[in-house]
Amino acid sequence: MTTFSWNQGTSIQVAIGEAYQWEGWELTVLVESPVDFLSLAHHGCELKNFFHAQGLDNYFCMLSGPTSQNLIKYFSVRAEIYDNHAAKMEEHEKVLIDPSVEGKTREQLGLKPFTCTEIRSNIMGILVTITEEIIARAIRTEAEGS
């Protein structure tokens, strides 16, 4: 599992040695140990069967894989959530620019239809979009539930 630590500093280092100012804080990626089901079971906390029943075995195997710290930093400092509120704001901006388009659909405004919440970022100029379905596919499970 990968988490972030924010340490006071002057900049963050990202891919290819580029430095980016970000409000005087330094971004450090901490790569943690994956869940140790054997140790948890030894201490009376049997969780492996619970996650197995949900089809999350592949997810926990993936946590043990390699982590690209530069890629995580580059992605995270540019990431934004595109949800229903952001989609409505996007439509509102179009109407503010041209009031004659008020009441038109997203397609008529030249916008993509809003289907689900996304995490949007870019890596070296390439747009990266992550949805619940993409995460489910990556861990080889169904994208269902809440």
N, C-alpha and C. Protein backbone atom coordinates (compact mmCIF):
# COMPACT_ATOMS: atom_id res chain seq x y z
N MET A 1 0.84 -1.17 0.00
CA MET A 1 0.00 0.00 0.00
C MET A 1 0.89 1.23 0.00
N THR A 2 0.46 2.27 -0.68
CA THR A 2 1.24 3.48 -0.77
C THR A 2 0.49 4.62 -0.11
N THR A 3 1.16 5.36 0.75
CA THR A 3 0.56 6.53 1.37
C THR A 3 1.49 7.71 1.17
N PHE A 4 1.03 8.88 1.55
CA PHE A 4 1.80 10.09 1.36
C PHE A 4 2.14 10.70 2.70
N SER A 5 3.29 11.29 2.79
CA SER A 5 3.70 12.02 3.98
C SER A 5 4.05 13.43 3.56
N TRP A 6 3.50 14.43 4.23
CA TRP A 6 3.75 15.82 3.88
C TRP A 6 4.72 16.40 4.89
N ASN A 7 5.94 16.67 4.45
CA ASN A 7 6.96 17.24 5.32
C ASN A 7 7.23 18.66 4.88
N GLN A 8 7.38 19.56 5.86
CA GLN A 8 7.63 20.95 5.50
C GLN A 8 8.97 21.05 4.79
N GLY A 9 8.98 21.73 3.67
CA GLY A 9 10.17 21.89 2.85
C GLY A 9 9.93 22.96 1.82
N THR A 10 10.65 22.91 0.73
CA THR A 10 10.50 23.97 -0.26
C THR A 10 9.89 23.49 -1.56
N SER A 11 10.02 22.23 -1.89
CA SER A 11 9.48 21.76 -3.16
C SER A 11 9.29 20.26 -3.10
N ILE A 12 8.66 19.71 -4.15
CA ILE A 12 8.55 18.26 -4.26
C ILE A 12 9.32 17.84 -5.50
N GLN A 13 9.87 16.65 -5.46
CA GLN A 13 10.60 16.12 -6.61
C GLN A 13 9.68 15.15 -7.33
N VAL A 14 9.59 15.30 -8.64
CA VAL A 14 8.77 14.40 -9.44
C VAL A 14 9.61 13.83 -10.57
N ALA A 15 8.96 13.10 -11.47
CA ALA A 15 9.65 12.37 -12.53
C ALA A 15 10.66 13.25 -13.28
N ILE A 16 11.73 12.64 -13.69
CA ILE A 16 12.78 13.23 -14.50
C ILE A 16 13.43 14.42 -13.80
N GLY A 17 13.46 14.38 -12.48
CA GLY A 17 14.17 15.37 -11.71
C GLY A 17 13.57 16.76 -11.69
N GLU A 18 12.33 16.92 -12.18
CA GLU A 18 11.71 18.24 -12.16
C GLU A 18 11.26 18.56 -10.74
N ALA A 19 11.42 19.80 -10.32
CA ALA A 19 10.97 20.23 -9.00
C ALA A 19 9.73 21.09 -9.16
N TYR A 20 8.73 20.86 -8.34
CA TYR A 20 7.50 21.64 -8.39
C TYR A 20 7.22 22.23 -7.02
N GLN A 21 6.98 23.54 -6.99
CA GLN A 21 6.60 24.21 -5.75
C GLN A 21 5.17 23.80 -5.43
N TRP A 22 4.90 23.52 -4.17
CA TRP A 22 3.55 23.22 -3.77
C TRP A 22 3.32 23.69 -2.36
N GLU A 23 3.06 24.96 -2.23
CA GLU A 23 2.74 25.60 -0.97
C GLU A 23 3.75 25.30 0.14
N GLY A 24 5.01 25.20 -0.21
CA GLY A 24 6.05 25.06 0.79
C GLY A 24 6.12 23.71 1.48
N TRP A 25 5.55 22.68 0.90
CA TRP A 25 5.58 21.35 1.51
C TRP A 25 6.26 20.37 0.57
N GLU A 26 6.86 19.37 1.12
CA GLU A 26 7.54 18.35 0.33
C GLU A 26 6.73 17.06 0.37
N LEU A 27 6.50 16.46 -0.78
CA LEU A 27 5.74 15.23 -0.87
C LEU A 27 6.70 14.05 -0.80
N THR A 28 6.47 13.16 0.16
CA THR A 28 7.27 11.95 0.30
C THR A 28 6.33 10.75 0.20
N VAL A 29 6.64 9.80 -0.65
CA VAL A 29 5.84 8.59 -0.80
C VAL A 29 6.41 7.53 0.13
N LEU A 30 5.54 6.98 0.96
CA LEU A 30 5.94 5.91 1.87
C LEU A 30 5.37 4.60 1.36
N VAL A 31 6.23 3.65 1.07
CA VAL A 31 5.78 2.35 0.60
C VAL A 31 5.72 1.44 1.83
N GLU A 32 4.50 1.04 2.17
CA GLU A 32 4.30 0.25 3.38
C GLU A 32 4.27 -1.24 3.07
N SER A 33 4.38 -2.03 4.11
CA SER A 33 4.27 -3.48 3.96
C SER A 33 2.83 -3.84 3.65
N PRO A 34 2.61 -4.87 2.83
CA PRO A 34 1.24 -5.30 2.57
C PRO A 34 0.64 -5.95 3.82
N VAL A 35 -0.64 -6.20 3.76
CA VAL A 35 -1.33 -6.82 4.88
C VAL A 35 -0.75 -8.21 5.12
N ASP A 36 -0.42 -8.49 6.37
CA ASP A 36 0.13 -9.79 6.75
C ASP A 36 -0.99 -10.62 7.38
N PHE A 37 -1.70 -11.39 6.55
CA PHE A 37 -2.84 -12.16 7.03
C PHE A 37 -2.43 -13.22 8.04
N LEU A 38 -1.25 -13.80 7.88
CA LEU A 38 -0.78 -14.83 8.80
C LEU A 38 -0.58 -14.26 10.20
N SER A 39 0.03 -13.10 10.26
CA SER A 39 0.25 -12.45 11.55
C SER A 39 -1.07 -12.03 12.19
N LEU A 40 -1.99 -11.52 11.38
CA LEU A 40 -3.30 -11.14 11.91
C LEU A 40 -4.04 -12.35 12.48
N ALA A 41 -3.99 -13.48 11.75
CA ALA A 41 -4.66 -14.69 12.22
C ALA A 41 -4.04 -15.19 13.51
N HIS A 42 -2.71 -15.08 13.63
CA HIS A 42 -2.01 -15.51 14.84
C HIS A 42 -2.50 -14.73 16.06
N HIS A 43 -2.88 -13.47 15.84
CA HIS A 43 -3.35 -12.61 16.94
C HIS A 43 -4.88 -12.60 17.05
N GLY A 44 -5.53 -13.60 16.44
CA GLY A 44 -6.97 -13.75 16.60
C GLY A 44 -7.83 -12.91 15.68
N CYS A 45 -7.25 -12.38 14.64
CA CYS A 45 -8.01 -11.54 13.71
C CYS A 45 -7.95 -12.19 12.32
N GLU A 46 -8.85 -13.12 12.07
CA GLU A 46 -8.87 -13.87 10.81
C GLU A 46 -9.65 -13.10 9.75
N LEU A 47 -8.94 -12.39 8.88
CA LEU A 47 -9.57 -11.56 7.85
C LEU A 47 -9.45 -12.14 6.45
N LYS A 48 -8.53 -13.07 6.25
CA LYS A 48 -8.27 -13.57 4.89
C LYS A 48 -9.53 -14.14 4.24
N ASN A 49 -10.29 -14.94 4.97
CA ASN A 49 -11.51 -15.53 4.40
C ASN A 49 -12.55 -14.46 4.07
N PHE A 50 -12.60 -13.41 4.86
CA PHE A 50 -13.52 -12.30 4.63
C PHE A 50 -13.21 -11.64 3.28
N PHE A 51 -11.94 -11.33 3.01
CA PHE A 51 -11.56 -10.69 1.76
C PHE A 51 -11.63 -11.67 0.59
N HIS A 52 -11.34 -12.95 0.84
CA HIS A 52 -11.45 -13.97 -0.20
C HIS A 52 -12.90 -14.08 -0.69
N ALA A 53 -13.85 -14.04 0.24
CA ALA A 53 -15.27 -14.13 -0.11
C ALA A 53 -15.71 -12.95 -0.97
N GLN A 54 -15.04 -11.83 -0.85
CA GLN A 54 -15.37 -10.64 -1.65
C GLN A 54 -14.60 -10.60 -2.97
N GLY A 55 -13.74 -11.60 -3.19
CA GLY A 55 -12.97 -11.65 -4.44
C GLY A 55 -11.83 -10.65 -4.48
N LEU A 56 -11.27 -10.31 -3.32
CA LEU A 56 -10.21 -9.31 -3.26
C LEU A 56 -8.81 -9.91 -3.13
N ASP A 57 -8.65 -11.20 -3.38
CA ASP A 57 -7.33 -11.84 -3.29
C ASP A 57 -6.31 -11.16 -4.19
N ASN A 58 -6.71 -10.88 -5.44
CA ASN A 58 -5.78 -10.26 -6.40
C ASN A 58 -5.36 -8.86 -5.95
N TYR A 59 -6.26 -8.15 -5.29
CA TYR A 59 -5.92 -6.82 -4.80
C TYR A 59 -4.78 -6.89 -3.79
N PHE A 60 -4.86 -7.81 -2.85
CA PHE A 60 -3.83 -7.92 -1.83
C PHE A 60 -2.52 -8.46 -2.40
N CYS A 61 -2.60 -9.28 -3.45
CA CYS A 61 -1.38 -9.71 -4.14
C CYS A 61 -0.73 -8.53 -4.85
N MET A 62 -1.55 -7.65 -5.42
CA MET A 62 -1.04 -6.49 -6.14
C MET A 62 -0.32 -5.53 -5.18
N LEU A 63 -0.75 -5.46 -3.94
CA LEU A 63 -0.12 -4.57 -2.96
C LEU A 63 1.35 -4.94 -2.74
N SER A 64 1.69 -6.18 -2.99
CA SER A 64 3.07 -6.64 -2.80
C SER A 64 3.97 -6.29 -3.98
N GLY A 65 3.37 -5.80 -5.05
CA GLY A 65 4.13 -5.52 -6.27
C GLY A 65 4.98 -4.26 -6.16
N PRO A 66 5.69 -3.95 -7.24
CA PRO A 66 6.58 -2.78 -7.24
C PRO A 66 5.78 -1.47 -7.21
N THR A 67 6.38 -0.43 -6.68
CA THR A 67 5.77 0.89 -6.60
C THR A 67 6.70 1.91 -7.23
N SER A 68 6.19 2.67 -8.18
CA SER A 68 6.98 3.73 -8.80
C SER A 68 6.70 5.03 -8.07
N GLN A 69 7.61 5.43 -7.19
CA GLN A 69 7.39 6.61 -6.38
C GLN A 69 7.31 7.88 -7.21
N ASN A 70 8.15 8.00 -8.23
CA ASN A 70 8.10 9.19 -9.08
C ASN A 70 6.77 9.29 -9.82
N LEU A 71 6.26 8.16 -10.30
CA LEU A 71 4.99 8.15 -11.00
C LEU A 71 3.86 8.56 -10.07
N ILE A 72 3.88 8.07 -8.85
CA ILE A 72 2.86 8.42 -7.86
C ILE A 72 2.90 9.92 -7.56
N LYS A 73 4.08 10.47 -7.38
CA LYS A 73 4.21 11.89 -7.10
C LYS A 73 3.71 12.72 -8.27
N TYR A 74 4.13 12.36 -9.47
CA TYR A 74 3.76 13.11 -10.67
C TYR A 74 2.25 13.09 -10.85
N PHE A 75 1.62 11.94 -10.61
CA PHE A 75 0.17 11.79 -10.75
C PHE A 75 -0.56 12.55 -9.65
N SER A 76 -0.14 12.40 -8.41
CA SER A 76 -0.91 12.91 -7.28
C SER A 76 -0.94 14.43 -7.19
N VAL A 77 0.13 15.11 -7.56
CA VAL A 77 0.13 16.57 -7.45
C VAL A 77 -0.77 17.22 -8.50
N ARG A 78 -1.16 16.48 -9.52
CA ARG A 78 -2.03 17.00 -10.56
C ARG A 78 -3.44 16.42 -10.51
N ALA A 79 -3.71 15.52 -9.58
CA ALA A 79 -4.98 14.80 -9.53
C ALA A 79 -6.12 15.69 -9.07
N GLU A 80 -7.28 15.45 -9.67
CA GLU A 80 -8.49 16.14 -9.24
C GLU A 80 -9.67 15.18 -9.37
N ILE A 81 -10.68 15.40 -8.56
CA ILE A 81 -11.88 14.57 -8.59
C ILE A 81 -12.89 15.24 -9.53
N TYR A 82 -13.38 14.48 -10.48
CA TYR A 82 -14.41 14.97 -11.40
C TYR A 82 -15.68 14.20 -11.05
N ASP A 83 -16.57 14.87 -10.33
CA ASP A 83 -17.81 14.24 -9.89
C ASP A 83 -19.01 15.00 -10.44
N ASN A 84 -20.19 14.70 -9.94
CA ASN A 84 -21.41 15.34 -10.42
C ASN A 84 -21.34 16.86 -10.24
N HIS A 85 -20.80 17.30 -9.11
CA HIS A 85 -20.67 18.73 -8.85
C HIS A 85 -19.74 19.39 -9.88
N ALA A 86 -18.62 18.76 -10.17
CA ALA A 86 -17.67 19.31 -11.17
C ALA A 86 -18.31 19.35 -12.55
N ALA A 87 -19.12 18.33 -12.89
CA ALA A 87 -19.80 18.30 -14.19
C ALA A 87 -20.80 19.46 -14.29
N LYS A 88 -21.53 19.71 -13.20
CA LYS A 88 -22.49 20.84 -13.19
C LYS A 88 -21.76 22.18 -13.30
N MET A 89 -20.61 22.31 -12.64
CA MET A 89 -19.82 23.53 -12.73
C MET A 89 -19.32 23.75 -14.15
N GLU A 90 -18.94 22.66 -14.82
CA GLU A 90 -18.47 22.73 -16.21
C GLU A 90 -19.59 23.25 -17.12
N GLU A 91 -20.81 22.74 -16.90
CA GLU A 91 -21.96 23.21 -17.68
C GLU A 91 -22.23 24.69 -17.37
N HIS A 92 -22.17 25.06 -16.10
CA HIS A 92 -22.41 26.43 -15.67
C HIS A 92 -21.41 27.40 -16.32
N GLU A 93 -20.15 26.99 -16.42
CA GLU A 93 -19.13 27.82 -17.06
C GLU A 93 -19.46 28.08 -18.53
N LYS A 94 -19.96 27.03 -19.21
CA LYS A 94 -20.34 27.19 -20.63
C LYS A 94 -21.47 28.21 -20.77
N VAL A 95 -22.43 28.16 -19.82
CA VAL A 95 -23.56 29.09 -19.87
C VAL A 95 -23.09 30.51 -19.55
N LEU A 96 -22.14 30.65 -18.64
CA LEU A 96 -21.61 31.98 -18.32
C LEU A 96 -20.91 32.60 -19.52
N ILE A 97 -20.21 31.77 -20.30
CA ILE A 97 -19.52 32.25 -21.50
C ILE A 97 -20.51 32.65 -22.58
N ASP A 98 -21.56 31.81 -22.76
CA ASP A 98 -22.56 32.08 -23.79
C ASP A 98 -23.94 31.77 -23.22
N PRO A 99 -24.66 32.79 -22.69
CA PRO A 99 -25.97 32.57 -22.07
C PRO A 99 -27.02 31.97 -23.01
N SER A 100 -26.83 32.05 -24.30
CA SER A 100 -27.82 31.50 -25.24
C SER A 100 -27.86 29.97 -25.23
N VAL A 101 -26.87 29.32 -24.61
CA VAL A 101 -26.85 27.85 -24.58
C VAL A 101 -27.52 27.27 -23.34
N GLU A 102 -28.09 28.14 -22.50
CA GLU A 102 -28.74 27.67 -21.27
C GLU A 102 -29.87 26.70 -21.60
N GLY A 103 -29.93 25.59 -20.86
CA GLY A 103 -30.97 24.58 -21.06
C GLY A 103 -30.59 23.49 -22.04
N LYS A 104 -29.44 23.61 -22.68
CA LYS A 104 -29.00 22.58 -23.63
C LYS A 104 -28.34 21.42 -22.89
N THR A 105 -28.29 20.27 -23.54
CA THR A 105 -27.69 19.08 -22.94
C THR A 105 -26.16 19.20 -22.99
N ARG A 106 -25.50 18.33 -22.25
CA ARG A 106 -24.04 18.32 -22.23
C ARG A 106 -23.49 18.10 -23.64
N GLU A 107 -24.12 17.20 -24.39
CA GLU A 107 -23.67 16.91 -25.74
C GLU A 107 -23.81 18.15 -26.63
N GLN A 108 -24.92 18.87 -26.47
CA GLN A 108 -25.14 20.08 -27.26
C GLN A 108 -24.16 21.18 -26.88
N LEU A 109 -23.66 21.13 -25.63
CA LEU A 109 -22.66 22.10 -25.18
C LEU A 109 -21.25 21.71 -25.61
N GLY A 110 -21.12 20.53 -26.24
CA GLY A 110 -19.81 20.06 -26.67
C GLY A 110 -19.04 19.36 -25.56
N LEU A 111 -19.76 18.90 -24.53
CA LEU A 111 -19.14 18.22 -23.39
C LEU A 111 -19.43 16.73 -23.45
N LYS A 112 -18.51 15.95 -22.90
CA LYS A 112 -18.74 14.50 -22.81
C LYS A 112 -19.84 14.25 -21.78
N PRO A 113 -20.64 13.19 -21.99
CA PRO A 113 -21.67 12.87 -20.99
C PRO A 113 -21.02 12.48 -19.66
N PHE A 114 -21.65 12.88 -18.55
CA PHE A 114 -21.14 12.49 -17.23
C PHE A 114 -21.73 11.13 -16.89
N THR A 115 -20.86 10.14 -16.68
CA THR A 115 -21.34 8.79 -16.38
C THR A 115 -21.00 8.34 -14.97
N CYS A 116 -19.84 8.77 -14.45
CA CYS A 116 -19.44 8.35 -13.11
C CYS A 116 -18.33 9.26 -12.60
N THR A 117 -18.09 9.17 -11.29
CA THR A 117 -17.02 9.94 -10.68
C THR A 117 -15.68 9.42 -11.17
N GLU A 118 -14.74 10.34 -11.44
CA GLU A 118 -13.42 9.98 -11.95
C GLU A 118 -12.34 10.69 -11.16
N ILE A 119 -11.17 10.09 -11.11
CA ILE A 119 -9.97 10.77 -10.65
C ILE A 119 -9.21 11.10 -11.93
N ARG A 120 -8.95 12.38 -12.15
CA ARG A 120 -8.28 12.81 -13.37
C ARG A 120 -6.92 13.42 -13.03
N SER A 121 -5.94 13.09 -13.84
CA SER A 121 -4.61 13.66 -13.70
C SER A 121 -3.93 13.55 -15.05
N ASN A 122 -2.66 13.91 -15.09
CA ASN A 122 -1.89 13.66 -16.31
C ASN A 122 -0.48 13.28 -15.90
N ILE A 123 0.10 12.46 -16.74
CA ILE A 123 1.48 12.03 -16.53
C ILE A 123 2.22 12.33 -17.82
N MET A 124 3.16 13.27 -17.72
CA MET A 124 3.96 13.70 -18.85
C MET A 124 3.08 14.10 -20.03
N GLY A 125 1.98 14.84 -19.74
CA GLY A 125 1.10 15.36 -20.77
C GLY A 125 0.03 14.40 -21.25
N ILE A 126 -0.02 13.20 -20.71
CA ILE A 126 -1.02 12.22 -21.12
C ILE A 126 -2.12 12.18 -20.06
N LEU A 127 -3.38 12.43 -20.49
CA LEU A 127 -4.50 12.41 -19.58
C LEU A 127 -4.71 11.01 -19.03
N VAL A 128 -4.82 10.89 -17.71
CA VAL A 128 -5.08 9.61 -17.05
C VAL A 128 -6.38 9.75 -16.27
N THR A 129 -7.32 8.85 -16.52
CA THR A 129 -8.60 8.86 -15.84
C THR A 129 -8.78 7.53 -15.13
N ILE A 130 -9.12 7.58 -13.85
CA ILE A 130 -9.34 6.37 -13.06
C ILE A 130 -10.77 6.39 -12.56
N THR A 131 -11.50 5.31 -12.83
CA THR A 131 -12.88 5.17 -12.37
C THR A 131 -12.98 3.93 -11.49
N GLU A 132 -14.13 3.76 -10.85
CA GLU A 132 -14.36 2.57 -10.03
C GLU A 132 -14.23 1.30 -10.88
N GLU A 133 -14.73 1.36 -12.11
CA GLU A 133 -14.66 0.20 -13.01
C GLU A 133 -13.21 -0.17 -13.34
N ILE A 134 -12.37 0.83 -13.55
CA ILE A 134 -10.96 0.57 -13.86
C ILE A 134 -10.25 -0.07 -12.66
N ILE A 135 -10.54 0.43 -11.47
CA ILE A 135 -9.95 -0.15 -10.27
C ILE A 135 -10.41 -1.60 -10.11
N ALA A 136 -11.71 -1.85 -10.32
CA ALA A 136 -12.24 -3.21 -10.22
C ALA A 136 -11.58 -4.14 -11.22
N ARG A 137 -11.39 -3.64 -12.45
CA ARG A 137 -10.74 -4.46 -13.47
C ARG A 137 -9.29 -4.77 -13.09
N ALA A 138 -8.60 -3.77 -12.51
CA ALA A 138 -7.20 -3.96 -12.13
C ALA A 138 -7.04 -5.02 -11.04
N ILE A 139 -8.00 -5.08 -10.14
CA ILE A 139 -7.90 -6.09 -9.06
C ILE A 139 -8.73 -7.33 -9.36
N ARG A 140 -9.21 -7.40 -10.60
CA ARG A 140 -9.94 -8.57 -11.11
C ARG A 140 -11.15 -8.94 -10.24
N THR A 141 -12.01 -7.94 -10.01
CA THR A 141 -13.24 -8.17 -9.27
C THR A 141 -14.35 -7.36 -9.93
N GLU A 142 -15.57 -7.53 -9.45
CA GLU A 142 -16.71 -6.82 -10.01
C GLU A 142 -16.82 -5.41 -9.45
N ALA A 143 -17.25 -4.47 -10.28
CA ALA A 143 -17.46 -3.09 -9.84
C ALA A 143 -18.91 -2.95 -9.41
N GLU A 144 -19.20 -3.43 -8.22
CA GLU A 144 -20.57 -3.37 -7.72
C GLU A 144 -20.54 -3.03 -6.24
N GLY A 145 -21.65 -2.59 -5.73
CA GLY A 145 -21.75 -2.22 -4.33
C GLY A 145 -21.40 -0.76 -4.14
N SER A 146 -21.30 -0.38 -2.89
CA SER A 146 -21.01 1.03 -2.61
C SER A 146 -19.65 1.16 -1.97
